[in-house]
Amino acid sequence: MTPILDGVSVHLDAEGFFEDPAQWTDGMQEEIARENGIEPFTDRHKQVVEFVRRTYLRTGAAPSIRTVGKDSGVSIEELYELFPTGPLKVAAKIGGIPKPRGCI
């Protein structure tokens, strides 16, 4: 599918994950968050999304939930409060990266 986010036509897979992370912009975060039930989109959400995206861009893979909870500055308990339907999956969508391995 090819929706328009922040004025840009982007390519998403059938589940709504970016096929090309280079198409993502910061301005897309709030719109994607809203579409995934995250409102308001706070600085704590952004902190997690930016950590997940940076890790993906540096390593080529999304971090594990354990790594996010350990190294992002947001505990695993808070991750589930911020992203109740699945922290890693939703943060990856908002951050414009492909679906992480291990996410159902």
PDB file of N, CA and C in Angstrom:
ATOM      1  N   MET A   1       0.835  -1.182   0.000  1.00  0.00           N
ATOM      2  CA  MET A   1       0.000   0.000   0.000  1.00  0.00           C
ATOM      3  C   MET A   1       0.877   1.242   0.000  1.00  0.00           C
ATOM      4  N   THR A   2       0.305   2.339  -0.483  1.00  0.00           N
ATOM      5  CA  THR A   2       1.085   3.556  -0.670  1.00  0.00           C
ATOM      6  C   THR A   2       0.321   4.782  -0.142  1.00  0.00           C
ATOM      7  N   PRO A   3       0.277   4.950   1.186  1.00  0.00           N
ATOM      8  CA  PRO A   3      -0.393   6.129   1.734  1.00  0.00           C
ATOM      9  C   PRO A   3       0.491   7.374   1.636  1.00  0.00           C
ATOM     10  N   ILE A   4      -0.097   8.504   1.935  1.00  0.00           N
ATOM     11  CA  ILE A   4       0.656   9.755   1.986  1.00  0.00           C
ATOM     12  C   ILE A   4       0.755  10.159   3.452  1.00  0.00           C
ATOM     13  N   LEU A   5       1.979  10.282   3.937  1.00  0.00           N
ATOM     14  CA  LEU A   5       2.251  10.684   5.308  1.00  0.00           C
ATOM     15  C   LEU A   5       3.132  11.919   5.278  1.00  0.00           C
ATOM     16  N   ASP A   6       2.750  12.940   5.992  1.00  0.00           N
ATOM     17  CA  ASP A   6       3.520  14.187   6.050  1.00  0.00           C
ATOM     18  C   ASP A   6       3.825  14.699   4.641  1.00  0.00           C
ATOM     19  N   GLY A   7       2.859  14.514   3.729  1.00  0.00           N
ATOM     20  CA  GLY A   7       2.999  14.999   2.367  1.00  0.00           C
ATOM     21  C   GLY A   7       3.854  14.137   1.456  1.00  0.00           C
ATOM     22  N   VAL A   8       4.270  12.967   1.938  1.00  0.00           N
ATOM     23  CA  VAL A   8       5.147  12.084   1.171  1.00  0.00           C
ATOM     24  C   VAL A   8       4.433  10.758   0.905  1.00  0.00           C
ATOM     25  N   SER A   9       4.486  10.283  -0.317  1.00  0.00           N
ATOM     26  CA  SER A   9       3.936   8.978  -0.660  1.00  0.00           C
ATOM     27  C   SER A   9       4.949   7.921  -0.223  1.00  0.00           C
ATOM     28  N   VAL A  10       4.521   7.025   0.668  1.00  0.00           N
ATOM     29  CA  VAL A  10       5.430   6.013   1.210  1.00  0.00           C
ATOM     30  C   VAL A  10       4.939   4.615   0.867  1.00  0.00           C
ATOM     31  N   HIS A  11       5.855   3.671   0.826  1.00  0.00           N
ATOM     32  CA  HIS A  11       5.524   2.277   0.532  1.00  0.00           C
ATOM     33  C   HIS A  11       5.529   1.479   1.832  1.00  0.00           C
ATOM     34  N   LEU A  12       4.357   0.929   2.168  1.00  0.00           N
ATOM     35  CA  LEU A  12       4.207   0.120   3.369  1.00  0.00           C
ATOM     36  C   LEU A  12       3.844  -1.301   2.974  1.00  0.00           C
ATOM     37  N   ASP A  13       4.237  -2.256   3.815  1.00  0.00           N
ATOM     38  CA  ASP A  13       3.814  -3.631   3.560  1.00  0.00           C
ATOM     39  C   ASP A  13       2.367  -3.803   4.004  1.00  0.00           C
ATOM     40  N   ALA A  14       1.836  -4.995   3.881  1.00  0.00           N
ATOM     41  CA  ALA A  14       0.428  -5.254   4.193  1.00  0.00           C
ATOM     42  C   ALA A  14       0.079  -4.980   5.655  1.00  0.00           C
ATOM     43  N   GLU A  15       1.078  -5.026   6.535  1.00  0.00           N
ATOM     44  CA  GLU A  15       0.835  -4.779   7.960  1.00  0.00           C
ATOM     45  C   GLU A  15       1.097  -3.329   8.366  1.00  0.00           C
ATOM     46  N   GLY A  16       1.515  -2.494   7.415  1.00  0.00           N
ATOM     47  CA  GLY A  16       1.735  -1.086   7.712  1.00  0.00           C
ATOM     48  C   GLY A  16       3.153  -0.716   8.099  1.00  0.00           C
ATOM     49  N   PHE A  17       4.115  -1.611   7.870  1.00  0.00           N
ATOM     50  CA  PHE A  17       5.521  -1.306   8.153  1.00  0.00           C
ATOM     51  C   PHE A  17       6.179  -0.745   6.901  1.00  0.00           C
ATOM     52  N   PHE A  18       7.094   0.187   7.093  1.00  0.00           N
ATOM     53  CA  PHE A  18       7.814   0.779   5.965  1.00  0.00           C
ATOM     54  C   PHE A  18       8.637  -0.277   5.242  1.00  0.00           C
ATOM     55  N   GLU A  19       8.568  -0.252   3.930  1.00  0.00           N
ATOM     56  CA  GLU A  19       9.421  -1.125   3.127  1.00  0.00           C
ATOM     57  C   GLU A  19      10.783  -0.471   2.925  1.00  0.00           C
ATOM     58  N   ASP A  20      10.814   0.857   2.932  1.00  0.00           N
ATOM     59  CA  ASP A  20      12.063   1.606   2.758  1.00  0.00           C
ATOM     60  C   ASP A  20      12.174   2.636   3.876  1.00  0.00           C
ATOM     61  N   PRO A  21      12.973   2.359   4.915  1.00  0.00           N
ATOM     62  CA  PRO A  21      13.102   3.288   6.039  1.00  0.00           C
ATOM     63  C   PRO A  21      13.584   4.687   5.642  1.00  0.00           C
ATOM     64  N   ALA A  22      14.203   4.821   4.481  1.00  0.00           N
ATOM     65  CA  ALA A  22      14.679   6.132   4.035  1.00  0.00           C
ATOM     66  C   ALA A  22      13.525   7.072   3.685  1.00  0.00           C
ATOM     67  N   GLN A  23      12.325   6.540   3.489  1.00  0.00           N
ATOM     68  CA  GLN A  23      11.166   7.373   3.177  1.00  0.00           C
ATOM     69  C   GLN A  23      10.590   8.059   4.411  1.00  0.00           C
ATOM     70  N   TRP A  24      10.962   7.626   5.582  1.00  0.00           N
ATOM     71  CA  TRP A  24      10.419   8.127   6.839  1.00  0.00           C
ATOM     72  C   TRP A  24      10.958   9.511   7.167  1.00  0.00           C
ATOM     73  N   THR A  25      10.108  10.348   7.761  1.00  0.00           N
ATOM     74  CA  THR A  25      10.541  11.651   8.285  1.00  0.00           C
ATOM     75  C   THR A  25      10.007  11.806   9.704  1.00  0.00           C
ATOM     76  N   ASP A  26      10.659  12.667  10.483  1.00  0.00           N
ATOM     77  CA  ASP A  26      10.199  12.940  11.851  1.00  0.00           C
ATOM     78  C   ASP A  26       8.743  13.381  11.878  1.00  0.00           C
ATOM     79  N   GLY A  27       8.342  14.137  10.858  1.00  0.00           N
ATOM     80  CA  GLY A  27       6.992  14.666  10.809  1.00  0.00           C
ATOM     81  C   GLY A  27       5.906  13.615  10.684  1.00  0.00           C
ATOM     82  N   MET A  28       6.277  12.385  10.397  1.00  0.00           N
ATOM     83  CA  MET A  28       5.298  11.299  10.230  1.00  0.00           C
ATOM     84  C   MET A  28       4.928  10.638  11.553  1.00  0.00           C
ATOM     85  N   GLN A  29       5.756  10.830  12.575  1.00  0.00           N
ATOM     86  CA  GLN A  29       5.588  10.095  13.831  1.00  0.00           C
ATOM     87  C   GLN A  29       4.207  10.225  14.461  1.00  0.00           C
ATOM     88  N   GLU A  30       3.741  11.452  14.621  1.00  0.00           N
ATOM     89  CA  GLU A  30       2.469  11.645  15.312  1.00  0.00           C
ATOM     90  C   GLU A  30       1.295  11.050  14.538  1.00  0.00           C
ATOM     91  N   GLU A  31       1.322  11.182  13.211  1.00  0.00           N
ATOM     92  CA  GLU A  31       0.246  10.623  12.394  1.00  0.00           C
ATOM     93  C   GLU A  31       0.217   9.097  12.496  1.00  0.00           C
ATOM     94  N   ILE A  32       1.392   8.477  12.400  1.00  0.00           N
ATOM     95  CA  ILE A  32       1.471   7.011  12.513  1.00  0.00           C
ATOM     96  C   ILE A  32       1.053   6.577  13.920  1.00  0.00           C
ATOM     97  N   ALA A  33       1.502   7.314  14.932  1.00  0.00           N
ATOM     98  CA  ALA A  33       1.130   6.988  16.315  1.00  0.00           C
ATOM     99  C   ALA A  33      -0.385   7.027  16.483  1.00  0.00           C
ATOM    100  N   ARG A  34      -1.012   8.091  15.995  1.00  0.00           N
ATOM    101  CA  ARG A  34      -2.473   8.218  16.089  1.00  0.00           C
ATOM    102  C   ARG A  34      -3.175   7.044  15.413  1.00  0.00           C
ATOM    103  N   GLU A  35      -2.686   6.677  14.225  1.00  0.00           N
ATOM    104  CA  GLU A  35      -3.282   5.554  13.485  1.00  0.00           C
ATOM    105  C   GLU A  35      -3.150   4.233  14.248  1.00  0.00           C
ATOM    106  N   ASN A  36      -2.186   4.182  15.166  1.00  0.00           N
ATOM    107  CA  ASN A  36      -1.953   2.963  15.948  1.00  0.00           C
ATOM    108  C   ASN A  36      -2.445   3.095  17.388  1.00  0.00           C
ATOM    109  N   GLY A  37      -3.321   4.076  17.638  1.00  0.00           N
ATOM    110  CA  GLY A  37      -3.945   4.216  18.943  1.00  0.00           C
ATOM    111  C   GLY A  37      -3.113   4.895  20.004  1.00  0.00           C
ATOM    112  N   ILE A  38      -2.021   5.535  19.615  1.00  0.00           N
ATOM    113  CA  ILE A  38      -1.164   6.212  20.583  1.00  0.00           C
ATOM    114  C   ILE A  38      -1.460   7.715  20.512  1.00  0.00           C
ATOM    115  N   GLU A  39      -2.187   8.194  21.526  1.00  0.00           N
ATOM    116  CA  GLU A  39      -2.515   9.604  21.583  1.00  0.00           C
ATOM    117  C   GLU A  39      -2.758   9.972  23.037  1.00  0.00           C
ATOM    118  N   PRO A  40      -2.071  10.933  23.584  1.00  0.00           N
ATOM    119  CA  PRO A  40      -1.099  11.789  22.914  1.00  0.00           C
ATOM    120  C   PRO A  40       0.230  11.062  22.706  1.00  0.00           C
ATOM    121  N   PHE A  41       0.983  11.546  21.744  1.00  0.00           N
ATOM    122  CA  PHE A  41       2.314  11.019  21.447  1.00  0.00           C
ATOM    123  C   PHE A  41       3.308  11.901  22.198  1.00  0.00           C
ATOM    124  N   THR A  42       3.853  11.359  23.288  1.00  0.00           N
ATOM    125  CA  THR A  42       4.664  12.145  24.216  1.00  0.00           C
ATOM    126  C   THR A  42       6.166  12.039  23.935  1.00  0.00           C
ATOM    127  N   ASP A  43       6.935  12.804  24.679  1.00  0.00           N
ATOM    128  CA  ASP A  43       8.394  12.737  24.569  1.00  0.00           C
ATOM    129  C   ASP A  43       8.920  11.354  24.949  1.00  0.00           C
ATOM    130  N   ARG A  44       8.244  10.671  25.866  1.00  0.00           N
ATOM    131  CA  ARG A  44       8.664   9.309  26.258  1.00  0.00           C
ATOM    132  C   ARG A  44       8.453   8.344  25.095  1.00  0.00           C
ATOM    133  N   HIS A  45       7.343   8.500  24.370  1.00  0.00           N
ATOM    134  CA  HIS A  45       7.126   7.692  23.167  1.00  0.00           C
ATOM    135  C   HIS A  45       8.250   7.957  22.168  1.00  0.00           C
ATOM    136  N   LYS A  46       8.532   9.228  21.947  1.00  0.00           N
ATOM    137  CA  LYS A  46       9.577   9.610  20.981  1.00  0.00           C
ATOM    138  C   LYS A  46      10.931   9.031  21.377  1.00  0.00           C
ATOM    139  N   GLN A  47      11.213   9.035  22.663  1.00  0.00           N
ATOM    140  CA  GLN A  47      12.486   8.493  23.142  1.00  0.00           C
ATOM    141  C   GLN A  47      12.633   7.029  22.728  1.00  0.00           C
ATOM    142  N   VAL A  48      11.576   6.260  22.885  1.00  0.00           N
ATOM    143  CA  VAL A  48      11.604   4.844  22.525  1.00  0.00           C
ATOM    144  C   VAL A  48      11.710   4.684  21.009  1.00  0.00           C
ATOM    145  N   VAL A  49      10.877   5.401  20.281  1.00  0.00           N
ATOM    146  CA  VAL A  49      10.875   5.306  18.816  1.00  0.00           C
ATOM    147  C   VAL A  49      12.251   5.659  18.262  1.00  0.00           C
ATOM    148  N   GLU A  50      12.842   6.734  18.744  1.00  0.00           N
ATOM    149  CA  GLU A  50      14.160   7.148  18.253  1.00  0.00           C
ATOM    150  C   GLU A  50      15.229   6.125  18.585  1.00  0.00           C
ATOM    151  N   PHE A  51      15.146   5.508  19.773  1.00  0.00           N
ATOM    152  CA  PHE A  51      16.106   4.466  20.143  1.00  0.00           C
ATOM    153  C   PHE A  51      15.988   3.269  19.203  1.00  0.00           C
ATOM    154  N   VAL A  52      14.748   2.828  18.960  1.00  0.00           N
ATOM    155  CA  VAL A  52      14.514   1.671  18.093  1.00  0.00           C
ATOM    156  C   VAL A  52      15.009   1.973  16.679  1.00  0.00           C
ATOM    157  N   ARG A  53      14.699   3.157  16.169  1.00  0.00           N
ATOM    158  CA  ARG A  53      15.116   3.529  14.811  1.00  0.00           C
ATOM    159  C   ARG A  53      16.643   3.628  14.698  1.00  0.00           C
ATOM    160  N   ARG A  54      17.267   4.308  15.660  1.00  0.00           N
ATOM    161  CA  ARG A  54      18.741   4.446  15.643  1.00  0.00           C
ATOM    162  C   ARG A  54      19.414   3.079  15.657  1.00  0.00           C
ATOM    163  N   THR A  55      18.904   2.200  16.505  1.00  0.00           N
ATOM    164  CA  THR A  55      19.484   0.860  16.595  1.00  0.00           C
ATOM    165  C   THR A  55      19.347   0.132  15.263  1.00  0.00           C
ATOM    166  N   TYR A  56      18.159   0.217  14.655  1.00  0.00           N
ATOM    167  CA  TYR A  56      17.946  -0.433  13.360  1.00  0.00           C
ATOM    168  C   TYR A  56      18.903   0.130  12.309  1.00  0.00           C
ATOM    169  N   LEU A  57      19.023   1.436  12.235  1.00  0.00           N
ATOM    170  CA  LEU A  57      19.883   2.050  11.212  1.00  0.00           C
ATOM    171  C   LEU A  57      21.356   1.715  11.433  1.00  0.00           C
ATOM    172  N   ARG A  58      21.753   1.549  12.692  1.00  0.00           N
ATOM    173  CA  ARG A  58      23.144   1.225  13.012  1.00  0.00           C
ATOM    174  C   ARG A  58      23.468  -0.247  12.782  1.00  0.00           C
ATOM    175  N   THR A  59      22.503  -1.134  13.096  1.00  0.00           N
ATOM    176  CA  THR A  59      22.805  -2.576  13.078  1.00  0.00           C
ATOM    177  C   THR A  59      22.105  -3.352  11.973  1.00  0.00           C
ATOM    178  N   GLY A  60      21.048  -2.770  11.398  1.00  0.00           N
ATOM    179  CA  GLY A  60      20.277  -3.484  10.386  1.00  0.00           C
ATOM    180  C   GLY A  60      19.192  -4.362  10.962  1.00  0.00           C
ATOM    181  N   ALA A  61      19.006  -4.288  12.285  1.00  0.00           N
ATOM    182  CA  ALA A  61      17.955  -5.076  12.948  1.00  0.00           C
ATOM    183  C   ALA A  61      17.393  -4.262  14.108  1.00  0.00           C
ATOM    184  N   ALA A  62      16.108  -4.447  14.363  1.00  0.00           N
ATOM    185  CA  ALA A  62      15.495  -3.791  15.518  1.00  0.00           C
ATOM    186  C   ALA A  62      16.041  -4.427  16.796  1.00  0.00           C
ATOM    187  N   PRO A  63      16.149  -3.652  17.858  1.00  0.00           N
ATOM    188  CA  PRO A  63      16.607  -4.233  19.126  1.00  0.00           C
ATOM    189  C   PRO A  63      15.524  -5.128  19.727  1.00  0.00           C
ATOM    190  N   SER A  64      15.923  -6.000  20.618  1.00  0.00           N
ATOM    191  CA  SER A  64      14.955  -6.826  21.339  1.00  0.00           C
ATOM    192  C   SER A  64      14.252  -5.960  22.378  1.00  0.00           C
ATOM    193  N   ILE A  65      13.119  -6.415  22.840  1.00  0.00           N
ATOM    194  CA  ILE A  65      12.385  -5.683  23.872  1.00  0.00           C
ATOM    195  C   ILE A  65      13.253  -5.553  25.122  1.00  0.00           C
ATOM    196  N   ARG A  66      14.021  -6.574  25.393  1.00  0.00           N
ATOM    197  CA  ARG A  66      14.922  -6.544  26.558  1.00  0.00           C
ATOM    198  C   ARG A  66      15.970  -5.443  26.411  1.00  0.00           C
ATOM    199  N   THR A  67      16.538  -5.305  25.210  1.00  0.00           N
ATOM    200  CA  THR A  67      17.531  -4.256  24.956  1.00  0.00           C
ATOM    201  C   THR A  67      16.901  -2.877  25.078  1.00  0.00           C
ATOM    202  N   VAL A  68      15.701  -2.727  24.541  1.00  0.00           N
ATOM    203  CA  VAL A  68      15.013  -1.430  24.639  1.00  0.00           C
ATOM    204  C   VAL A  68      14.802  -1.085  26.110  1.00  0.00           C
ATOM    205  N   GLY A  69      14.313  -2.038  26.887  1.00  0.00           N
ATOM    206  CA  GLY A  69      14.073  -1.804  28.312  1.00  0.00           C
ATOM    207  C   GLY A  69      15.337  -1.518  29.094  1.00  0.00           C
ATOM    208  N   LYS A  70      16.439  -2.065  28.655  1.00  0.00           N
ATOM    209  CA  LYS A  70      17.712  -1.897  29.358  1.00  0.00           C
ATOM    210  C   LYS A  70      18.448  -0.629  28.940  1.00  0.00           C
ATOM    211  N   ASP A  71      18.419  -0.290  27.648  1.00  0.00           N
ATOM    212  CA  ASP A  71      19.297   0.759  27.131  1.00  0.00           C
ATOM    213  C   ASP A  71      18.614   2.044  26.653  1.00  0.00           C
ATOM    214  N   SER A  72      17.289   2.066  26.590  1.00  0.00           N
ATOM    215  CA  SER A  72      16.613   3.258  26.059  1.00  0.00           C
ATOM    216  C   SER A  72      16.316   4.303  27.119  1.00  0.00           C
ATOM    217  N   GLY A  73      16.411   3.917  28.382  1.00  0.00           N
ATOM    218  CA  GLY A  73      16.040   4.823  29.458  1.00  0.00           C
ATOM    219  C   GLY A  73      14.577   4.691  29.852  1.00  0.00           C
ATOM    220  N   VAL A  74      13.870   3.733  29.240  1.00  0.00           N
ATOM    221  CA  VAL A  74      12.465   3.470  29.552  1.00  0.00           C
ATOM    222  C   VAL A  74      12.359   2.001  29.954  1.00  0.00           C
ATOM    223  N   SER A  75      11.821   1.744  31.140  1.00  0.00           N
ATOM    224  CA  SER A  75      11.734   0.366  31.639  1.00  0.00           C
ATOM    225  C   SER A  75      10.756  -0.455  30.803  1.00  0.00           C
ATOM    226  N   ILE A  76      10.902  -1.770  30.890  1.00  0.00           N
ATOM    227  CA  ILE A  76       9.989  -2.662  30.167  1.00  0.00           C
ATOM    228  C   ILE A  76       8.550  -2.434  30.639  1.00  0.00           C
ATOM    229  N   GLU A  77       8.360  -2.246  31.921  1.00  0.00           N
ATOM    230  CA  GLU A  77       7.019  -1.976  32.439  1.00  0.00           C
ATOM    231  C   GLU A  77       6.434  -0.715  31.792  1.00  0.00           C
ATOM    232  N   GLU A  78       7.219   0.350  31.722  1.00  0.00           N
ATOM    233  CA  GLU A  78       6.730   1.591  31.117  1.00  0.00           C
ATOM    234  C   GLU A  78       6.510   1.423  29.614  1.00  0.00           C
ATOM    235  N   LEU A  79       7.346   0.610  28.959  1.00  0.00           N
ATOM    236  CA  LEU A  79       7.159   0.362  27.519  1.00  0.00           C
ATOM    237  C   LEU A  79       5.755  -0.170  27.248  1.00  0.00           C
ATOM    238  N   TYR A  80       5.306  -1.098  28.083  1.00  0.00           N
ATOM    239  CA  TYR A  80       3.973  -1.673  27.901  1.00  0.00           C
ATOM    240  C   TYR A  80       2.861  -0.685  28.269  1.00  0.00           C
ATOM    241  N   GLU A  81       3.166   0.274  29.133  1.00  0.00           N
ATOM    242  CA  GLU A  81       2.196   1.335  29.430  1.00  0.00           C
ATOM    243  C   GLU A  81       2.102   2.303  28.246  1.00  0.00           C
ATOM    244  N   LEU A  82       3.239   2.625  27.653  1.00  0.00           N
ATOM    245  CA  LEU A  82       3.274   3.562  26.526  1.00  0.00           C
ATOM    246  C   LEU A  82       2.691   2.958  25.256  1.00  0.00           C
ATOM    247  N   PHE A  83       2.994   1.676  25.027  1.00  0.00           N
ATOM    248  CA  PHE A  83       2.588   0.969  23.802  1.00  0.00           C
ATOM    249  C   PHE A  83       1.859  -0.315  24.191  1.00  0.00           C
ATOM    250  N   PRO A  84       0.627  -0.218  24.674  1.00  0.00           N
ATOM    251  CA  PRO A  84      -0.059  -1.389  25.222  1.00  0.00           C
ATOM    252  C   PRO A  84      -0.308  -2.531  24.244  1.00  0.00           C
ATOM    253  N   THR A  85      -0.335  -2.260  22.952  1.00  0.00           N
ATOM    254  CA  THR A  85      -0.604  -3.342  21.994  1.00  0.00           C
ATOM    255  C   THR A  85       0.664  -4.011  21.487  1.00  0.00           C
ATOM    256  N   GLY A  86       1.804  -3.670  22.055  1.00  0.00           N
ATOM    257  CA  GLY A  86       3.073  -4.287  21.670  1.00  0.00           C
ATOM    258  C   GLY A  86       4.135  -3.235  21.439  1.00  0.00           C
ATOM    259  N   PRO A  87       4.997  -3.003  22.428  1.00  0.00           N
ATOM    260  CA  PRO A  87       5.968  -1.912  22.354  1.00  0.00           C
ATOM    261  C   PRO A  87       6.873  -1.935  21.129  1.00  0.00           C
ATOM    262  N   LEU A  88       7.483  -3.053  20.858  1.00  0.00           N
ATOM    263  CA  LEU A  88       8.456  -3.105  19.773  1.00  0.00           C
ATOM    264  C   LEU A  88       7.783  -2.975  18.415  1.00  0.00           C
ATOM    265  N   LYS A  89       6.678  -3.656  18.255  1.00  0.00           N
ATOM    266  CA  LYS A  89       5.953  -3.632  16.983  1.00  0.00           C
ATOM    267  C   LYS A  89       5.454  -2.220  16.660  1.00  0.00           C
ATOM    268  N   VAL A  90       4.824  -1.575  17.623  1.00  0.00           N
ATOM    269  CA  VAL A  90       4.270  -0.239  17.388  1.00  0.00           C
ATOM    270  C   VAL A  90       5.389   0.795  17.259  1.00  0.00           C
ATOM    271  N   ALA A  91       6.415   0.707  18.079  1.00  0.00           N
ATOM    272  CA  ALA A  91       7.537   1.654  17.976  1.00  0.00           C
ATOM    273  C   ALA A  91       8.222   1.531  16.620  1.00  0.00           C
ATOM    274  N   ALA A  92       8.330   0.312  16.097  1.00  0.00           N
ATOM    275  CA  ALA A  92       8.933   0.109  14.775  1.00  0.00           C
ATOM    276  C   ALA A  92       8.082   0.752  13.687  1.00  0.00           C
ATOM    277  N   LYS A  93       6.768   0.592  13.776  1.00  0.00           N
ATOM    278  CA  LYS A  93       5.879   1.224  12.791  1.00  0.00           C
ATOM    279  C   LYS A  93       6.040   2.745  12.828  1.00  0.00           C
ATOM    280  N   ILE A  94       5.979   3.300  14.027  1.00  0.00           N
ATOM    281  CA  ILE A  94       6.078   4.752  14.169  1.00  0.00           C
ATOM    282  C   ILE A  94       7.444   5.241  13.711  1.00  0.00           C
ATOM    283  N   GLY A  95       8.487   4.444  13.944  1.00  0.00           N
ATOM    284  CA  GLY A  95       9.849   4.816  13.576  1.00  0.00           C
ATOM    285  C   GLY A  95      10.220   4.525  12.132  1.00  0.00           C
ATOM    286  N   GLY A  96       9.282   3.969  11.375  1.00  0.00           N
ATOM    287  CA  GLY A  96       9.511   3.782   9.955  1.00  0.00           C
ATOM    288  C   GLY A  96      10.486   2.690   9.586  1.00  0.00           C
ATOM    289  N   ILE A  97      10.541   1.647  10.404  1.00  0.00           N
ATOM    290  CA  ILE A  97      11.445   0.532  10.080  1.00  0.00           C
ATOM    291  C   ILE A  97      10.619  -0.727   9.830  1.00  0.00           C
ATOM    292  N   PRO A  98      11.217  -1.737   9.189  1.00  0.00           N
ATOM    293  CA  PRO A  98      10.490  -2.996   8.936  1.00  0.00           C
ATOM    294  C   PRO A  98      10.091  -3.690  10.226  1.00  0.00           C
ATOM    295  N   LYS A  99       9.131  -4.586  10.120  1.00  0.00           N
ATOM    296  CA  LYS A  99       8.656  -5.357  11.279  1.00  0.00           C
ATOM    297  C   LYS A  99       9.810  -6.121  11.908  1.00  0.00           C
ATOM    298  N   PRO A 100       9.989  -5.960  13.208  1.00  0.00           N
ATOM    299  CA  PRO A 100      11.057  -6.678  13.893  1.00  0.00           C
ATOM    300  C   PRO A 100      10.828  -8.178  13.893  1.00  0.00           C
ATOM    301  N   ARG A 101      11.901  -8.921  13.824  1.00  0.00           N
ATOM    302  CA  ARG A 101      11.800 -10.384  13.930  1.00  0.00           C
ATOM    303  C   ARG A 101      11.233 -10.722  15.289  1.00  0.00           C
ATOM    304  N   GLY A 102      10.427 -11.735  15.335  1.00  0.00           N
ATOM    305  CA  GLY A 102       9.857 -12.178  16.594  1.00  0.00           C
ATOM    306  C   GLY A 102       8.541 -11.510  16.955  1.00  0.00           C
ATOM    307  N   CYS A 103       8.157 -10.465  16.232  1.00  0.00           N
ATOM    308  CA  CYS A 103       6.865  -9.813  16.491  1.00  0.00           C
ATOM    309  C   CYS A 103       5.776 -10.557  15.736  1.00  0.00           C
ATOM    310  N   ILE A 104       4.711 -10.825  16.429  1.00  0.00           N
ATOM    311  CA  ILE A 104       3.598 -11.549  15.823  1.00  0.00           C
ATOM    312  C   ILE A 104       2.682 -10.564  15.118  1.00  0.00           C
TER     313      ILE A 104
END
